[in-house]
Amino acid sequence: MNKLENATTSNLSYETAVTRLEEVVRLLEEERMSLDRVLELYEEGSKLVKFCSKMLEQAELKIKILDQDFYETEAEDFNF
């Protein structure tokens, strides 16, 4: 078991979480393993998907806020 398998999502970067998720998917597709191990990996994958989705939602919200601030500032610059 590698250290990423034991890591919690709270201390992962988005990129690390995606890499681990890809590894989990590969293991589920290619490896023969016990049902218990399949369930462990499935649970881990589900948590990683939630984590990545939340990170993407937060990034999208930040971009919307930055865009709004940019366009408001740009409009103010043209007011005489």
PDB file of N, CA and C in Angstrom:
ATOM      1  N   MET A   1       0.845  -1.185   0.000  1.00  0.00           N
ATOM      2  CA  MET A   1       0.000   0.000   0.000  1.00  0.00           C
ATOM      3  C   MET A   1       0.887   1.244   0.000  1.00  0.00           C
ATOM      4  N   ASN A   2       0.611   2.194  -0.894  1.00  0.00           N
ATOM      5  CA  ASN A   2       1.443   3.393  -0.896  1.00  0.00           C
ATOM      6  C   ASN A   2       0.853   4.466   0.011  1.00  0.00           C
ATOM      7  N   LYS A   3       1.619   5.518   0.228  1.00  0.00           N
ATOM      8  CA  LYS A   3       1.193   6.543   1.183  1.00  0.00           C
ATOM      9  C   LYS A   3      -0.044   7.299   0.719  1.00  0.00           C
ATOM     10  N   LEU A   4      -0.287   7.373  -0.591  1.00  0.00           N
ATOM     11  CA  LEU A   4      -1.483   8.057  -1.078  1.00  0.00           C
ATOM     12  C   LEU A   4      -2.747   7.308  -0.697  1.00  0.00           C
ATOM     13  N   GLU A   5      -2.674   5.997  -0.607  1.00  0.00           N
ATOM     14  CA  GLU A   5      -3.849   5.227  -0.231  1.00  0.00           C
ATOM     15  C   GLU A   5      -4.308   5.558   1.181  1.00  0.00           C
ATOM     16  N   ASN A   6      -3.382   5.935   2.030  1.00  0.00           N
ATOM     17  CA  ASN A   6      -3.715   6.240   3.412  1.00  0.00           C
ATOM     18  C   ASN A   6      -3.974   7.726   3.648  1.00  0.00           C
ATOM     19  N   ALA A   7      -3.711   8.540   2.665  1.00  0.00           N
ATOM     20  CA  ALA A   7      -3.869   9.985   2.834  1.00  0.00           C
ATOM     21  C   ALA A   7      -5.341  10.357   2.841  1.00  0.00           C
ATOM     22  N   THR A   8      -5.648  11.366   3.614  1.00  0.00           N
ATOM     23  CA  THR A   8      -7.010  11.888   3.583  1.00  0.00           C
ATOM     24  C   THR A   8      -7.087  12.962   2.519  1.00  0.00           C
ATOM     25  N   THR A   9      -8.272  13.175   1.996  1.00  0.00           N
ATOM     26  CA  THR A   9      -8.415  14.161   0.929  1.00  0.00           C
ATOM     27  C   THR A   9      -8.158  15.576   1.422  1.00  0.00           C
ATOM     28  N   SER A  10      -8.243  15.805   2.714  1.00  0.00           N
ATOM     29  CA  SER A  10      -8.067  17.164   3.224  1.00  0.00           C
ATOM     30  C   SER A  10      -6.654  17.698   3.010  1.00  0.00           C
ATOM     31  N   ASN A  11      -5.676  16.825   2.845  1.00  0.00           N
ATOM     32  CA  ASN A  11      -4.308  17.307   2.656  1.00  0.00           C
ATOM     33  C   ASN A  11      -3.787  17.030   1.247  1.00  0.00           C
ATOM     34  N   LEU A  12      -4.685  16.751   0.304  1.00  0.00           N
ATOM     35  CA  LEU A  12      -4.285  16.481  -1.073  1.00  0.00           C
ATOM     36  C   LEU A  12      -4.488  17.704  -1.951  1.00  0.00           C
ATOM     37  N   SER A  13      -3.630  17.844  -2.926  1.00  0.00           N
ATOM     38  CA  SER A  13      -3.880  18.840  -3.964  1.00  0.00           C
ATOM     39  C   SER A  13      -4.838  18.212  -4.971  1.00  0.00           C
ATOM     40  N   TYR A  14      -5.434  19.041  -5.802  1.00  0.00           N
ATOM     41  CA  TYR A  14      -6.330  18.546  -6.842  1.00  0.00           C
ATOM     42  C   TYR A  14      -5.584  17.567  -7.750  1.00  0.00           C
ATOM     43  N   GLU A  15      -4.391  17.953  -8.151  1.00  0.00           N
ATOM     44  CA  GLU A  15      -3.608  17.131  -9.072  1.00  0.00           C
ATOM     45  C   GLU A  15      -3.264  15.768  -8.470  1.00  0.00           C
ATOM     46  N   THR A  16      -2.899  15.756  -7.197  1.00  0.00           N
ATOM     47  CA  THR A  16      -2.577  14.504  -6.524  1.00  0.00           C
ATOM     48  C   THR A  16      -3.815  13.625  -6.403  1.00  0.00           C
ATOM     49  N   ALA A  17      -4.951  14.245  -6.096  1.00  0.00           N
ATOM     50  CA  ALA A  17      -6.202  13.492  -5.979  1.00  0.00           C
ATOM     51  C   ALA A  17      -6.594  12.870  -7.316  1.00  0.00           C
ATOM     52  N   VAL A  18      -6.446  13.615  -8.404  1.00  0.00           N
ATOM     53  CA  VAL A  18      -6.773  13.080  -9.732  1.00  0.00           C
ATOM     54  C   VAL A  18      -5.837  11.922 -10.083  1.00  0.00           C
ATOM     55  N   THR A  19      -4.566  12.083  -9.776  1.00  0.00           N
ATOM     56  CA  THR A  19      -3.602  11.012 -10.041  1.00  0.00           C
ATOM     57  C   THR A  19      -3.982   9.745  -9.276  1.00  0.00           C
ATOM     58  N   ARG A  20      -4.329   9.903  -8.018  1.00  0.00           N
ATOM     59  CA  ARG A  20      -4.729   8.743  -7.212  1.00  0.00           C
ATOM     60  C   ARG A  20      -6.030   8.146  -7.745  1.00  0.00           C
ATOM     61  N   LEU A  21      -6.974   8.990  -8.136  1.00  0.00           N
ATOM     62  CA  LEU A  21      -8.237   8.496  -8.684  1.00  0.00           C
ATOM     63  C   LEU A  21      -7.988   7.667  -9.946  1.00  0.00           C
ATOM     64  N   GLU A  22      -7.103   8.142 -10.794  1.00  0.00           N
ATOM     65  CA  GLU A  22      -6.748   7.385 -12.001  1.00  0.00           C
ATOM     66  C   GLU A  22      -6.138   6.034 -11.635  1.00  0.00           C
ATOM     67  N   GLU A  23      -5.319   6.027 -10.586  1.00  0.00           N
ATOM     68  CA  GLU A  23      -4.706   4.779 -10.131  1.00  0.00           C
ATOM     69  C   GLU A  23      -5.768   3.819  -9.592  1.00  0.00           C
ATOM     70  N   VAL A  24      -6.716   4.343  -8.833  1.00  0.00           N
ATOM     71  CA  VAL A  24      -7.800   3.519  -8.292  1.00  0.00           C
ATOM     72  C   VAL A  24      -8.611   2.903  -9.430  1.00  0.00           C
ATOM     73  N   VAL A  25      -8.947   3.704 -10.420  1.00  0.00           N
ATOM     74  CA  VAL A  25      -9.708   3.199 -11.569  1.00  0.00           C
ATOM     75  C   VAL A  25      -8.922   2.099 -12.282  1.00  0.00           C
ATOM     76  N   ARG A  26      -7.646   2.335 -12.488  1.00  0.00           N
ATOM     77  CA  ARG A  26      -6.807   1.327 -13.149  1.00  0.00           C
ATOM     78  C   ARG A  26      -6.799   0.022 -12.354  1.00  0.00           C
ATOM     79  N   LEU A  27      -6.633   0.129 -11.040  1.00  0.00           N
ATOM     80  CA  LEU A  27      -6.626  -1.070 -10.200  1.00  0.00           C
ATOM     81  C   LEU A  27      -7.947  -1.822 -10.294  1.00  0.00           C
ATOM     82  N   LEU A  28      -9.042  -1.090 -10.257  1.00  0.00           N
ATOM     83  CA  LEU A  28     -10.355  -1.733 -10.331  1.00  0.00           C
ATOM     84  C   LEU A  28     -10.581  -2.409 -11.681  1.00  0.00           C
ATOM     85  N   GLU A  29     -10.028  -1.839 -12.720  1.00  0.00           N
ATOM     86  CA  GLU A  29     -10.207  -2.400 -14.059  1.00  0.00           C
ATOM     87  C   GLU A  29      -9.282  -3.579 -14.341  1.00  0.00           C
ATOM     88  N   GLU A  30      -8.076  -3.552 -13.790  1.00  0.00           N
ATOM     89  CA  GLU A  30      -7.054  -4.509 -14.204  1.00  0.00           C
ATOM     90  C   GLU A  30      -6.726  -5.599 -13.192  1.00  0.00           C
ATOM     91  N   GLU A  31      -6.930  -5.348 -11.942  1.00  0.00           N
ATOM     92  CA  GLU A  31      -6.466  -6.274 -10.910  1.00  0.00           C
ATOM     93  C   GLU A  31      -7.574  -7.248 -10.491  1.00  0.00           C
ATOM     94  N   ARG A  32      -7.143  -8.439 -10.132  1.00  0.00           N
ATOM     95  CA  ARG A  32      -8.044  -9.392  -9.478  1.00  0.00           C
ATOM     96  C   ARG A  32      -7.826  -9.209  -7.981  1.00  0.00           C
ATOM     97  N   MET A  33      -8.910  -8.996  -7.274  1.00  0.00           N
ATOM     98  CA  MET A  33      -8.782  -8.768  -5.838  1.00  0.00           C
ATOM     99  C   MET A  33     -10.048  -9.208  -5.127  1.00  0.00           C
ATOM    100  N   SER A  34      -9.958  -9.234  -3.827  1.00  0.00           N
ATOM    101  CA  SER A  34     -11.106  -9.651  -3.019  1.00  0.00           C
ATOM    102  C   SER A  34     -12.207  -8.596  -3.082  1.00  0.00           C
ATOM    103  N   LEU A  35     -13.398  -9.027  -2.764  1.00  0.00           N
ATOM    104  CA  LEU A  35     -14.534  -8.106  -2.735  1.00  0.00           C
ATOM    105  C   LEU A  35     -14.288  -6.985  -1.731  1.00  0.00           C
ATOM    106  N   ASP A  36     -13.701  -7.323  -0.592  1.00  0.00           N
ATOM    107  CA  ASP A  36     -13.404  -6.299   0.417  1.00  0.00           C
ATOM    108  C   ASP A  36     -12.475  -5.229  -0.146  1.00  0.00           C
ATOM    109  N   ARG A  37     -11.472  -5.661  -0.885  1.00  0.00           N
ATOM    110  CA  ARG A  37     -10.518  -4.697  -1.476  1.00  0.00           C
ATOM    111  C   ARG A  37     -11.208  -3.850  -2.539  1.00  0.00           C
ATOM    112  N   VAL A  38     -12.068  -4.465  -3.333  1.00  0.00           N
ATOM    113  CA  VAL A  38     -12.825  -3.715  -4.340  1.00  0.00           C
ATOM    114  C   VAL A  38     -13.666  -2.639  -3.660  1.00  0.00           C
ATOM    115  N   LEU A  39     -14.323  -2.999  -2.580  1.00  0.00           N
ATOM    116  CA  LEU A  39     -15.158  -2.032  -1.860  1.00  0.00           C
ATOM    117  C   LEU A  39     -14.321  -0.905  -1.264  1.00  0.00           C
ATOM    118  N   GLU A  40     -13.144  -1.234  -0.737  1.00  0.00           N
ATOM    119  CA  GLU A  40     -12.244  -0.203  -0.200  1.00  0.00           C
ATOM    120  C   GLU A  40     -11.846   0.788  -1.290  1.00  0.00           C
ATOM    121  N   LEU A  41     -11.458   0.247  -2.435  1.00  0.00           N
ATOM    122  CA  LEU A  41     -11.045   1.117  -3.542  1.00  0.00           C
ATOM    123  C   LEU A  41     -12.213   1.941  -4.067  1.00  0.00           C
ATOM    124  N   TYR A  42     -13.381   1.326  -4.146  1.00  0.00           N
ATOM    125  CA  TYR A  42     -14.563   2.049  -4.616  1.00  0.00           C
ATOM    126  C   TYR A  42     -14.888   3.208  -3.671  1.00  0.00           C
ATOM    127  N   GLU A  43     -14.820   2.939  -2.379  1.00  0.00           N
ATOM    128  CA  GLU A  43     -15.078   3.986  -1.388  1.00  0.00           C
ATOM    129  C   GLU A  43     -14.047   5.110  -1.504  1.00  0.00           C
ATOM    130  N   GLU A  44     -12.793   4.740  -1.642  1.00  0.00           N
ATOM    131  CA  GLU A  44     -11.740   5.746  -1.795  1.00  0.00           C
ATOM    132  C   GLU A  44     -11.972   6.570  -3.061  1.00  0.00           C
ATOM    133  N   GLY A  45     -12.302   5.889  -4.152  1.00  0.00           N
ATOM    134  CA  GLY A  45     -12.572   6.587  -5.408  1.00  0.00           C
ATOM    135  C   GLY A  45     -13.737   7.549  -5.289  1.00  0.00           C
ATOM    136  N   SER A  46     -14.785   7.133  -4.600  1.00  0.00           N
ATOM    137  CA  SER A  46     -15.949   8.004  -4.400  1.00  0.00           C
ATOM    138  C   SER A  46     -15.574   9.263  -3.628  1.00  0.00           C
ATOM    139  N   LYS A  47     -14.764   9.098  -2.594  1.00  0.00           N
ATOM    140  CA  LYS A  47     -14.314  10.253  -1.808  1.00  0.00           C
ATOM    141  C   LYS A  47     -13.457  11.185  -2.664  1.00  0.00           C
ATOM    142  N   LEU A  48     -12.607  10.604  -3.495  1.00  0.00           N
ATOM    143  CA  LEU A  48     -11.753  11.421  -4.363  1.00  0.00           C
ATOM    144  C   LEU A  48     -12.580  12.186  -5.393  1.00  0.00           C
ATOM    145  N   VAL A  49     -13.608  11.546  -5.942  1.00  0.00           N
ATOM    146  CA  VAL A  49     -14.484  12.227  -6.904  1.00  0.00           C
ATOM    147  C   VAL A  49     -15.174  13.409  -6.236  1.00  0.00           C
ATOM    148  N   LYS A  50     -15.703  13.207  -5.038  1.00  0.00           N
ATOM    149  CA  LYS A  50     -16.355  14.307  -4.306  1.00  0.00           C
ATOM    150  C   LYS A  50     -15.368  15.446  -4.053  1.00  0.00           C
ATOM    151  N   PHE A  51     -14.169  15.084  -3.611  1.00  0.00           N
ATOM    152  CA  PHE A  51     -13.142  16.081  -3.323  1.00  0.00           C
ATOM    153  C   PHE A  51     -12.799  16.884  -4.573  1.00  0.00           C
ATOM    154  N   CYS A  52     -12.559  16.187  -5.683  1.00  0.00           N
ATOM    155  CA  CYS A  52     -12.197  16.869  -6.934  1.00  0.00           C
ATOM    156  C   CYS A  52     -13.338  17.747  -7.431  1.00  0.00           C
ATOM    157  N   SER A  53     -14.558  17.262  -7.334  1.00  0.00           N
ATOM    158  CA  SER A  53     -15.717  18.055  -7.756  1.00  0.00           C
ATOM    159  C   SER A  53     -15.835  19.331  -6.932  1.00  0.00           C
ATOM    160  N   LYS A  54     -15.632  19.198  -5.635  1.00  0.00           N
ATOM    161  CA  LYS A  54     -15.698  20.369  -4.757  1.00  0.00           C
ATOM    162  C   LYS A  54     -14.600  21.376  -5.111  1.00  0.00           C
ATOM    163  N   MET A  55     -13.402  20.871  -5.369  1.00  0.00           N
ATOM    164  CA  MET A  55     -12.295  21.760  -5.746  1.00  0.00           C
ATOM    165  C   MET A  55     -12.609  22.493  -7.051  1.00  0.00           C
ATOM    166  N   LEU A  56     -13.172  21.792  -8.026  1.00  0.00           N
ATOM    167  CA  LEU A  56     -13.525  22.420  -9.301  1.00  0.00           C
ATOM    168  C   LEU A  56     -14.631  23.455  -9.125  1.00  0.00           C
ATOM    169  N   GLU A  57     -15.622  23.154  -8.288  1.00  0.00           N
ATOM    170  CA  GLU A  57     -16.692  24.118  -8.015  1.00  0.00           C
ATOM    171  C   GLU A  57     -16.126  25.385  -7.374  1.00  0.00           C
ATOM    172  N   GLN A  58     -15.206  25.212  -6.431  1.00  0.00           N
ATOM    173  CA  GLN A  58     -14.590  26.367  -5.773  1.00  0.00           C
ATOM    174  C   GLN A  58     -13.779  27.190  -6.762  1.00  0.00           C
ATOM    175  N   ALA A  59     -13.063  26.530  -7.653  1.00  0.00           N
ATOM    176  CA  ALA A  59     -12.277  27.242  -8.665  1.00  0.00           C
ATOM    177  C   ALA A  59     -13.196  28.001  -9.617  1.00  0.00           C
ATOM    178  N   GLU A  60     -14.293  27.377 -10.018  1.00  0.00           N
ATOM    179  CA  GLU A  60     -15.250  28.028 -10.911  1.00  0.00           C
ATOM    180  C   GLU A  60     -15.857  29.264 -10.248  1.00  0.00           C
ATOM    181  N   LEU A  61     -16.213  29.154  -8.981  1.00  0.00           N
ATOM    182  CA  LEU A  61     -16.763  30.291  -8.251  1.00  0.00           C
ATOM    183  C   LEU A  61     -15.743  31.422  -8.161  1.00  0.00           C
ATOM    184  N   LYS A  62     -14.507  31.088  -7.886  1.00  0.00           N
ATOM    185  CA  LYS A  62     -13.453  32.101  -7.795  1.00  0.00           C
ATOM    186  C   LYS A  62     -13.268  32.811  -9.134  1.00  0.00           C
ATOM    187  N   ILE A  63     -13.307  32.054 -10.220  1.00  0.00           N
ATOM    188  CA  ILE A  63     -13.178  32.655 -11.554  1.00  0.00           C
ATOM    189  C   ILE A  63     -14.344  33.594 -11.828  1.00  0.00           C
ATOM    190  N   LYS A  64     -15.557  33.189 -11.465  1.00  0.00           N
ATOM    191  CA  LYS A  64     -16.728  34.050 -11.669  1.00  0.00           C
ATOM    192  C   LYS A  64     -16.585  35.352 -10.885  1.00  0.00           C
ATOM    193  N   ILE A  65     -16.109  35.253  -9.650  1.00  0.00           N
ATOM    194  CA  ILE A  65     -15.919  36.450  -8.821  1.00  0.00           C
ATOM    195  C   ILE A  65     -14.854  37.346  -9.429  1.00  0.00           C
ATOM    196  N   LEU A  66     -13.752  36.756  -9.864  1.00  0.00           N
ATOM    197  CA  LEU A  66     -12.680  37.547 -10.478  1.00  0.00           C
ATOM    198  C   LEU A  66     -13.153  38.208 -11.767  1.00  0.00           C
ATOM    199  N   ASP A  67     -13.912  37.473 -12.578  1.00  0.00           N
ATOM    200  CA  ASP A  67     -14.456  38.049 -13.811  1.00  0.00           C
ATOM    201  C   ASP A  67     -15.389  39.211 -13.502  1.00  0.00           C
ATOM    202  N   GLN A  68     -16.240  39.029 -12.515  1.00  0.00           N
ATOM    203  CA  GLN A  68     -17.179  40.084 -12.141  1.00  0.00           C
ATOM    204  C   GLN A  68     -16.413  41.320 -11.681  1.00  0.00           C
ATOM    205  N   ASP A  69     -15.415  41.136 -10.840  1.00  0.00           N
ATOM    206  CA  ASP A  69     -14.600  42.261 -10.377  1.00  0.00           C
ATOM    207  C   ASP A  69     -13.893  42.939 -11.544  1.00  0.00           C
ATOM    208  N   PHE A  70     -13.377  42.159 -12.480  1.00  0.00           N
ATOM    209  CA  PHE A  70     -12.676  42.706 -13.635  1.00  0.00           C
ATOM    210  C   PHE A  70     -13.613  43.560 -14.475  1.00  0.00           C
ATOM    211  N   TYR A  71     -14.793  43.029 -14.788  1.00  0.00           N
ATOM    212  CA  TYR A  71     -15.716  43.766 -15.647  1.00  0.00           C
ATOM    213  C   TYR A  71     -16.279  45.001 -14.954  1.00  0.00           C
ATOM    214  N   GLU A  72     -16.474  44.937 -13.636  1.00  0.00           N
ATOM    215  CA  GLU A  72     -16.928  46.119 -12.903  1.00  0.00           C
ATOM    216  C   GLU A  72     -15.842  47.190 -12.909  1.00  0.00           C
ATOM    217  N   THR A  73     -14.597  46.802 -12.704  1.00  0.00           N
ATOM    218  CA  THR A  73     -13.479  47.745 -12.720  1.00  0.00           C
ATOM    219  C   THR A  73     -13.308  48.341 -14.104  1.00  0.00           C
ATOM    220  N   GLU A  74     -13.432  47.515 -15.122  1.00  0.00           N
ATOM    221  CA  GLU A  74     -13.295  47.985 -16.496  1.00  0.00           C
ATOM    222  C   GLU A  74     -14.393  48.997 -16.828  1.00  0.00           C
ATOM    223  N   ALA A  75     -15.606  48.750 -16.378  1.00  0.00           N
ATOM    224  CA  ALA A  75     -16.717  49.672 -16.625  1.00  0.00           C
ATOM    225  C   ALA A  75     -16.489  50.991 -15.895  1.00  0.00           C
ATOM    226  N   GLU A  76     -15.970  50.931 -14.676  1.00  0.00           N
ATOM    227  CA  GLU A  76     -15.687  52.147 -13.915  1.00  0.00           C
ATOM    228  C   GLU A  76     -14.604  52.977 -14.593  1.00  0.00           C
ATOM    229  N   ASP A  77     -13.641  52.336 -15.218  1.00  0.00           N
ATOM    230  CA  ASP A  77     -12.560  53.046 -15.901  1.00  0.00           C
ATOM    231  C   ASP A  77     -13.073  53.880 -17.065  1.00  0.00           C
ATOM    232  N   PHE A  78     -14.192  53.482 -17.653  1.00  0.00           N
ATOM    233  CA  PHE A  78     -14.729  54.209 -18.794  1.00  0.00           C
ATOM    234  C   PHE A  78     -15.740  55.277 -18.398  1.00  0.00           C
ATOM    235  N   ASN A  79     -16.088  55.361 -17.135  1.00  0.00           N
ATOM    236  CA  ASN A  79     -16.997  56.415 -16.671  1.00  0.00           C
ATOM    237  C   ASN A  79     -16.210  57.710 -16.497  1.00  0.00           C
ATOM    238  N   PHE A  80     -16.721  58.752 -17.083  1.00  0.00           N
ATOM    239  CA  PHE A  80     -16.038  60.051 -17.003  1.00  0.00           C
ATOM    240  C   PHE A  80     -16.631  60.921 -15.954  1.00  0.00           C
TER     241      PHE A  80
END
